[in-house]
Each structure stands twice: as structure tokens, then as C-alpha cells.
PDB file of all heavy atoms in Angstrom:
ATOM      1  N   MET A   1      75.969  42.398 160.815  1.00  0.00           N
ATOM      2  CA  MET A   1      77.351  41.922 160.814  1.00  0.00           C
ATOM      3  C   MET A   1      77.556  41.050 162.049  1.00  0.00           C
ATOM      4  O   MET A   1      77.262  41.479 163.164  1.00  0.00           O
ATOM      5  CB  MET A   1      78.313  43.109 160.853  1.00  0.00           C
ATOM      6  CG  MET A   1      78.113  44.067 159.695  1.00  0.00           C
ATOM      7  SD  MET A   1      78.756  45.739 160.035  1.00  0.00           S
ATOM      8  CE  MET A   1      77.450  46.401 161.071  1.00  0.00           C
ATOM      9  N   VAL A   2      78.049  39.842 161.829  1.00  0.00           N
ATOM     10  CA  VAL A   2      78.307  38.915 162.929  1.00  0.00           C
ATOM     11  C   VAL A   2      79.791  38.574 162.912  1.00  0.00           C
ATOM     12  O   VAL A   2      80.299  38.017 161.929  1.00  0.00           O
ATOM     13  CB  VAL A   2      77.453  37.636 162.808  1.00  0.00           C
ATOM     14  CG1 VAL A   2      77.763  36.683 163.954  1.00  0.00           C
ATOM     15  CG2 VAL A   2      75.971  37.980 162.757  1.00  0.00           C
ATOM     16  N   VAL A   3      80.474  38.919 163.991  1.00  0.00           N
ATOM     17  CA  VAL A   3      81.892  38.610 164.135  1.00  0.00           C
ATOM     18  C   VAL A   3      82.004  37.574 165.242  1.00  0.00           C
ATOM     19  O   VAL A   3      81.724  37.873 166.411  1.00  0.00           O
ATOM     20  CB  VAL A   3      82.720  39.870 164.457  1.00  0.00           C
ATOM     21  CG1 VAL A   3      84.193  39.519 164.611  1.00  0.00           C
ATOM     22  CG2 VAL A   3      82.529  40.928 163.364  1.00  0.00           C
ATOM     23  N   ALA A   4      82.368  36.360 164.863  1.00  0.00           N
ATOM     24  CA  ALA A   4      82.460  35.253 165.814  1.00  0.00           C
ATOM     25  C   ALA A   4      83.902  34.787 165.901  1.00  0.00           C
ATOM     26  O   ALA A   4      84.524  34.504 164.874  1.00  0.00           O
ATOM     27  CB  ALA A   4      81.553  34.103 165.369  1.00  0.00           C
ATOM     28  N   ASP A   5      84.422  34.731 167.120  1.00  0.00           N
ATOM     29  CA  ASP A   5      85.813  34.307 167.267  1.00  0.00           C
ATOM     30  C   ASP A   5      85.939  33.175 168.269  1.00  0.00           C
ATOM     31  O   ASP A   5      85.050  32.916 169.068  1.00  0.00           O
ATOM     32  CB  ASP A   5      86.709  35.485 167.664  1.00  0.00           C
ATOM     33  CG  ASP A   5      86.455  35.997 169.075  1.00  0.00           C
ATOM     34  OD1 ASP A   5      86.393  35.192 170.025  1.00  0.00           O
ATOM     35  OD2 ASP A   5      86.347  37.227 169.242  1.00  0.00           O
ATOM     36  N   LYS A   6      87.070  32.507 168.154  1.00  0.00           N
ATOM     37  CA  LYS A   6      87.484  31.510 169.139  1.00  0.00           C
ATOM     38  C   LYS A   6      88.568  32.197 169.948  1.00  0.00           C
ATOM     39  O   LYS A   6      89.569  32.642 169.384  1.00  0.00           O
ATOM     40  CB  LYS A   6      88.034  30.272 168.457  1.00  0.00           C
ATOM     41  CG  LYS A   6      87.022  29.573 167.589  1.00  0.00           C
ATOM     42  CD  LYS A   6      87.665  28.431 166.827  1.00  0.00           C
ATOM     43  CE  LYS A   6      86.675  27.920 165.810  1.00  0.00           C
ATOM     44  NZ  LYS A   6      87.267  27.700 164.518  1.00  0.00           N
ATOM     45  N   GLY A   7      88.351  32.296 171.234  1.00  0.00           N
ATOM     46  CA  GLY A   7      89.348  33.023 172.005  1.00  0.00           C
ATOM     47  C   GLY A   7      89.067  33.004 173.480  1.00  0.00           C
ATOM     48  O   GLY A   7      88.301  32.175 173.970  1.00  0.00           O
ATOM     49  N   PRO A   8      89.650  33.984 174.170  1.00  0.00           N
ATOM     50  CA  PRO A   8      89.544  33.993 175.620  1.00  0.00           C
ATOM     51  C   PRO A   8      88.177  34.408 176.142  1.00  0.00           C
ATOM     52  O   PRO A   8      87.873  34.190 177.310  1.00  0.00           O
ATOM     53  CB  PRO A   8      90.607  35.008 176.038  1.00  0.00           C
ATOM     54  CG  PRO A   8      90.710  35.934 174.878  1.00  0.00           C
ATOM     55  CD  PRO A   8      90.487  35.066 173.665  1.00  0.00           C
ATOM     56  N   GLY A   9      87.341  34.996 175.296  1.00  0.00           N
ATOM     57  CA  GLY A   9      86.066  35.519 175.762  1.00  0.00           C
ATOM     58  C   GLY A   9      86.275  36.810 176.534  1.00  0.00           C
ATOM     59  O   GLY A   9      87.399  37.259 176.743  1.00  0.00           O
ATOM     60  N   ILE A  10      85.179  37.428 176.940  1.00  0.00           N
ATOM     61  CA  ILE A  10      85.230  38.687 177.676  1.00  0.00           C
ATOM     62  C   ILE A  10      84.709  38.418 179.086  1.00  0.00           C
ATOM     63  O   ILE A  10      83.518  38.179 179.271  1.00  0.00           O
ATOM     64  CB  ILE A  10      84.372  39.762 176.982  1.00  0.00           C
ATOM     65  CG1 ILE A  10      84.821  39.970 175.527  1.00  0.00           C
ATOM     66  CG2 ILE A  10      84.437  41.083 177.761  1.00  0.00           C
ATOM     67  CD1 ILE A  10      83.879  40.840 174.713  1.00  0.00           C
ATOM     68  N   PRO A  11      85.592  38.454 180.089  1.00  0.00           N
ATOM     69  CA  PRO A  11      85.173  38.127 181.447  1.00  0.00           C
ATOM     70  C   PRO A  11      84.154  39.101 182.040  1.00  0.00           C
ATOM     71  O   PRO A  11      83.307  38.712 182.839  1.00  0.00           O
ATOM     72  CB  PRO A  11      86.461  38.161 182.266  1.00  0.00           C
ATOM     73  CG  PRO A  11      87.567  38.140 181.283  1.00  0.00           C
ATOM     74  CD  PRO A  11      87.031  38.656 179.990  1.00  0.00           C
ATOM     75  N   ASN A  12      84.240  40.395 181.663  1.00  0.00           N
ATOM     76  CA  ASN A  12      83.362  41.398 182.244  1.00  0.00           C
ATOM     77  C   ASN A  12      82.946  42.380 181.141  1.00  0.00           C
ATOM     78  O   ASN A  12      83.671  43.319 180.830  1.00  0.00           O
ATOM     79  CB  ASN A  12      84.081  42.127 183.381  1.00  0.00           C
ATOM     80  CG  ASN A  12      83.182  43.093 184.118  1.00  0.00           C
ATOM     81  OD1 ASN A  12      82.240  43.661 183.555  1.00  0.00           O
ATOM     82  ND2 ASN A  12      83.484  43.310 185.388  1.00  0.00           N
ATOM     83  N   ILE A  13      81.771  42.160 180.555  1.00  0.00           N
ATOM     84  CA  ILE A  13      81.321  42.996 179.437  1.00  0.00           C
ATOM     85  C   ILE A  13      81.119  44.441 179.881  1.00  0.00           C
ATOM     86  O   ILE A  13      81.486  45.368 179.153  1.00  0.00           O
ATOM     87  CB  ILE A  13      80.042  42.428 178.790  1.00  0.00           C
ATOM     88  CG1 ILE A  13      80.373  41.105 178.083  1.00  0.00           C
ATOM     89  CG2 ILE A  13      79.441  43.419 177.795  1.00  0.00           C
ATOM     90  CD1 ILE A  13      79.194  40.411 177.463  1.00  0.00           C
ATOM     91  N   ASP A  14      80.578  44.661 181.064  1.00  0.00           N
ATOM     92  CA  ASP A  14      80.372  46.036 181.530  1.00  0.00           C
ATOM     93  C   ASP A  14      81.691  46.798 181.593  1.00  0.00           C
ATOM     94  O   ASP A  14      81.770  47.953 181.170  1.00  0.00           O
ATOM     95  CB  ASP A  14      79.699  46.052 182.905  1.00  0.00           C
ATOM     96  CG  ASP A  14      78.251  45.594 182.849  1.00  0.00           C
ATOM     97  OD1 ASP A  14      77.620  45.735 181.777  1.00  0.00           O
ATOM     98  OD2 ASP A  14      77.748  45.097 183.870  1.00  0.00           O
ATOM     99  N   LEU A  15      82.719  46.171 182.091  1.00  0.00           N
ATOM    100  CA  LEU A  15      84.038  46.796 182.156  1.00  0.00           C
ATOM    101  C   LEU A  15      84.596  47.014 180.749  1.00  0.00           C
ATOM    102  O   LEU A  15      85.130  48.086 180.436  1.00  0.00           O
ATOM    103  CB  LEU A  15      84.991  45.925 182.984  1.00  0.00           C
ATOM    104  CG  LEU A  15      86.357  46.504 183.322  1.00  0.00           C
ATOM    105  CD1 LEU A  15      86.222  47.811 184.083  1.00  0.00           C
ATOM    106  CD2 LEU A  15      87.149  45.491 184.155  1.00  0.00           C
ATOM    107  N   ALA A  16      84.447  46.024 179.878  1.00  0.00           N
ATOM    108  CA  ALA A  16      84.959  46.129 178.506  1.00  0.00           C
ATOM    109  C   ALA A  16      84.254  47.220 177.710  1.00  0.00           C
ATOM    110  O   ALA A  16      84.831  47.764 176.765  1.00  0.00           O
ATOM    111  CB  ALA A  16      84.810  44.788 177.794  1.00  0.00           C
ATOM    112  N   MET A  17      83.036  47.583 178.098  1.00  0.00           N
ATOM    113  CA  MET A  17      82.285  48.632 177.403  1.00  0.00           C
ATOM    114  C   MET A  17      82.699  50.037 177.841  1.00  0.00           C
ATOM    115  O   MET A  17      82.291  51.021 177.238  1.00  0.00           O
ATOM    116  CB  MET A  17      80.781  48.453 177.629  1.00  0.00           C
ATOM    117  CG  MET A  17      80.186  47.228 176.956  1.00  0.00           C
ATOM    118  SD  MET A  17      80.368  47.189 175.164  1.00  0.00           S
ATOM    119  CE  MET A  17      79.306  48.532 174.689  1.00  0.00           C
ATOM    120  N   GLN A  18      83.538  50.142 178.853  1.00  0.00           N
ATOM    121  CA  GLN A  18      83.984  51.448 179.328  1.00  0.00           C
ATOM    122  C   GLN A  18      85.101  51.986 178.436  1.00  0.00           C
ATOM    123  O   GLN A  18      86.069  51.269 178.153  1.00  0.00           O
ATOM    124  CB  GLN A  18      84.482  51.356 180.765  1.00  0.00           C
ATOM    125  CG  GLN A  18      83.396  51.040 181.760  1.00  0.00           C
ATOM    126  CD  GLN A  18      83.918  50.968 183.186  1.00  0.00           C
ATOM    127  OE1 GLN A  18      85.001  51.456 183.496  1.00  0.00           O
ATOM    128  NE2 GLN A  18      83.145  50.337 184.054  1.00  0.00           N
ATOM    129  N   GLU A  19      84.950  53.236 178.008  1.00  0.00           N
ATOM    130  CA  GLU A  19      85.981  53.860 177.179  1.00  0.00           C
ATOM    131  C   GLU A  19      87.308  53.860 177.923  1.00  0.00           C
ATOM    132  O   GLU A  19      87.384  54.231 179.089  1.00  0.00           O
ATOM    133  CB  GLU A  19      85.579  55.287 176.811  1.00  0.00           C
ATOM    134  CG  GLU A  19      84.426  55.335 175.843  1.00  0.00           C
ATOM    135  CD  GLU A  19      84.105  56.745 175.374  1.00  0.00           C
ATOM    136  OE1 GLU A  19      84.888  57.676 175.630  1.00  0.00           O
ATOM    137  OE2 GLU A  19      83.051  56.900 174.734  1.00  0.00           O
ATOM    138  N   GLY A  20      88.343  53.420 177.234  1.00  0.00           N
ATOM    139  CA  GLY A  20      89.684  53.415 177.801  1.00  0.00           C
ATOM    140  C   GLY A  20      90.096  52.101 178.433  1.00  0.00           C
ATOM    141  O   GLY A  20      91.285  51.880 178.667  1.00  0.00           O
ATOM    142  N   TYR A  21      89.153  51.208 178.703  1.00  0.00           N
ATOM    143  CA  TYR A  21      89.508  49.921 179.291  1.00  0.00           C
ATOM    144  C   TYR A  21      90.028  49.005 178.187  1.00  0.00           C
ATOM    145  O   TYR A  21      89.406  48.864 177.142  1.00  0.00           O
ATOM    146  CB  TYR A  21      88.318  49.260 179.976  1.00  0.00           C
ATOM    147  CG  TYR A  21      88.658  47.895 180.526  1.00  0.00           C
ATOM    148  CD1 TYR A  21      89.349  47.775 181.716  1.00  0.00           C
ATOM    149  CD2 TYR A  21      88.342  46.741 179.815  1.00  0.00           C
ATOM    150  CE1 TYR A  21      89.698  46.520 182.213  1.00  0.00           C
ATOM    151  CE2 TYR A  21      88.690  45.491 180.294  1.00  0.00           C
ATOM    152  CZ  TYR A  21      89.367  45.384 181.491  1.00  0.00           C
ATOM    153  OH  TYR A  21      89.727  44.147 181.963  1.00  0.00           O
ATOM    154  N   SER A  22      91.183  48.400 178.413  1.00  0.00           N
ATOM    155  CA  SER A  22      91.769  47.536 177.390  1.00  0.00           C
ATOM    156  C   SER A  22      92.558  46.407 178.021  1.00  0.00           C
ATOM    157  O   SER A  22      93.208  46.592 179.048  1.00  0.00           O
ATOM    158  CB  SER A  22      92.707  48.361 176.494  1.00  0.00           C
ATOM    159  OG  SER A  22      93.321  47.525 175.534  1.00  0.00           O
ATOM    160  N   THR A  23      92.491  45.257 177.376  1.00  0.00           N
ATOM    161  CA  THR A  23      93.323  44.119 177.768  1.00  0.00           C
ATOM    162  C   THR A  23      94.338  43.800 176.676  1.00  0.00           C
ATOM    163  O   THR A  23      94.928  42.725 176.669  1.00  0.00           O
ATOM    164  CB  THR A  23      92.460  42.870 178.053  1.00  0.00           C
ATOM    165  OG1 THR A  23      91.720  42.544 176.861  1.00  0.00           O
ATOM    166  CG2 THR A  23      91.502  43.101 179.216  1.00  0.00           C
ATOM    167  N   ALA A  24      94.544  44.746 175.766  1.00  0.00           N
ATOM    168  CA  ALA A  24      95.474  44.530 174.656  1.00  0.00           C
ATOM    169  C   ALA A  24      96.897  44.355 175.159  1.00  0.00           C
ATOM    170  O   ALA A  24      97.309  44.978 176.141  1.00  0.00           O
ATOM    171  CB  ALA A  24      95.408  45.705 173.682  1.00  0.00           C
ATOM    172  N   SER A  25      97.625  43.524 174.452  1.00  0.00           N
ATOM    173  CA  SER A  25      99.021  43.277 174.811  1.00  0.00           C
ATOM    174  C   SER A  25      99.877  44.506 174.481  1.00  0.00           C
ATOM    175  O   SER A  25      99.484  45.352 173.663  1.00  0.00           O
ATOM    176  CB  SER A  25      99.552  42.073 174.026  1.00  0.00           C
ATOM    177  OG  SER A  25      99.670  42.420 172.650  1.00  0.00           O
ATOM    178  N   PRO A  26     101.054  44.597 175.073  1.00  0.00           N
ATOM    179  CA  PRO A  26     101.954  45.709 174.735  1.00  0.00           C
ATOM    180  C   PRO A  26     102.287  45.760 173.233  1.00  0.00           C
ATOM    181  O   PRO A  26     102.396  46.839 172.661  1.00  0.00           O
ATOM    182  CB  PRO A  26     103.209  45.417 175.565  1.00  0.00           C
ATOM    183  CG  PRO A  26     102.709  44.624 176.737  1.00  0.00           C
ATOM    184  CD  PRO A  26     101.581  43.793 176.184  1.00  0.00           C
ATOM    185  N   GLN A  27     102.404  44.593 172.593  1.00  0.00           N
ATOM    186  CA  GLN A  27     102.704  44.558 171.162  1.00  0.00           C
ATOM    187  C   GLN A  27     101.570  45.173 170.345  1.00  0.00           C
ATOM    188  O   GLN A  27     101.814  45.908 169.387  1.00  0.00           O
ATOM    189  CB  GLN A  27     102.954  43.115 170.684  1.00  0.00           C
ATOM    190  CG  GLN A  27     104.181  42.462 171.289  1.00  0.00           C
ATOM    191  CD  GLN A  27     103.915  41.840 172.665  1.00  0.00           C
ATOM    192  OE1 GLN A  27     102.819  41.895 173.217  1.00  0.00           O
ATOM    193  NE2 GLN A  27     104.961  41.278 173.253  1.00  0.00           N
ATOM    194  N   VAL A  28     100.330  44.869 170.717  1.00  0.00           N
ATOM    195  CA  VAL A  28      99.176  45.436 170.017  1.00  0.00           C
ATOM    196  C   VAL A  28      99.131  46.943 170.231  1.00  0.00           C
ATOM    197  O   VAL A  28      98.886  47.708 169.298  1.00  0.00           O
ATOM    198  CB  VAL A  28      97.870  44.756 170.489  1.00  0.00           C
ATOM    199  CG1 VAL A  28      96.645  45.489 169.967  1.00  0.00           C
ATOM    200  CG2 VAL A  28      97.855  43.296 170.043  1.00  0.00           C
TER     201      VAL A  28
END
């Protein structure tokens, strides 16, 4: 499965892989 998006990218993959870390907006 390949999910390819156009977007902001992930500045820090190690941080994004940590459980509980999120950059989701309040609406999301």
C-alpha cells in the first residue's frame, strides 16, 4: 500500500513515530 500526499511533510519522523505525538488541528 502506497499513500502519497501533497502537504506539509513530516519535519521529524522520529518524533512523529512516538505514541501520543500529534500535530492535528483542534478541529481534527
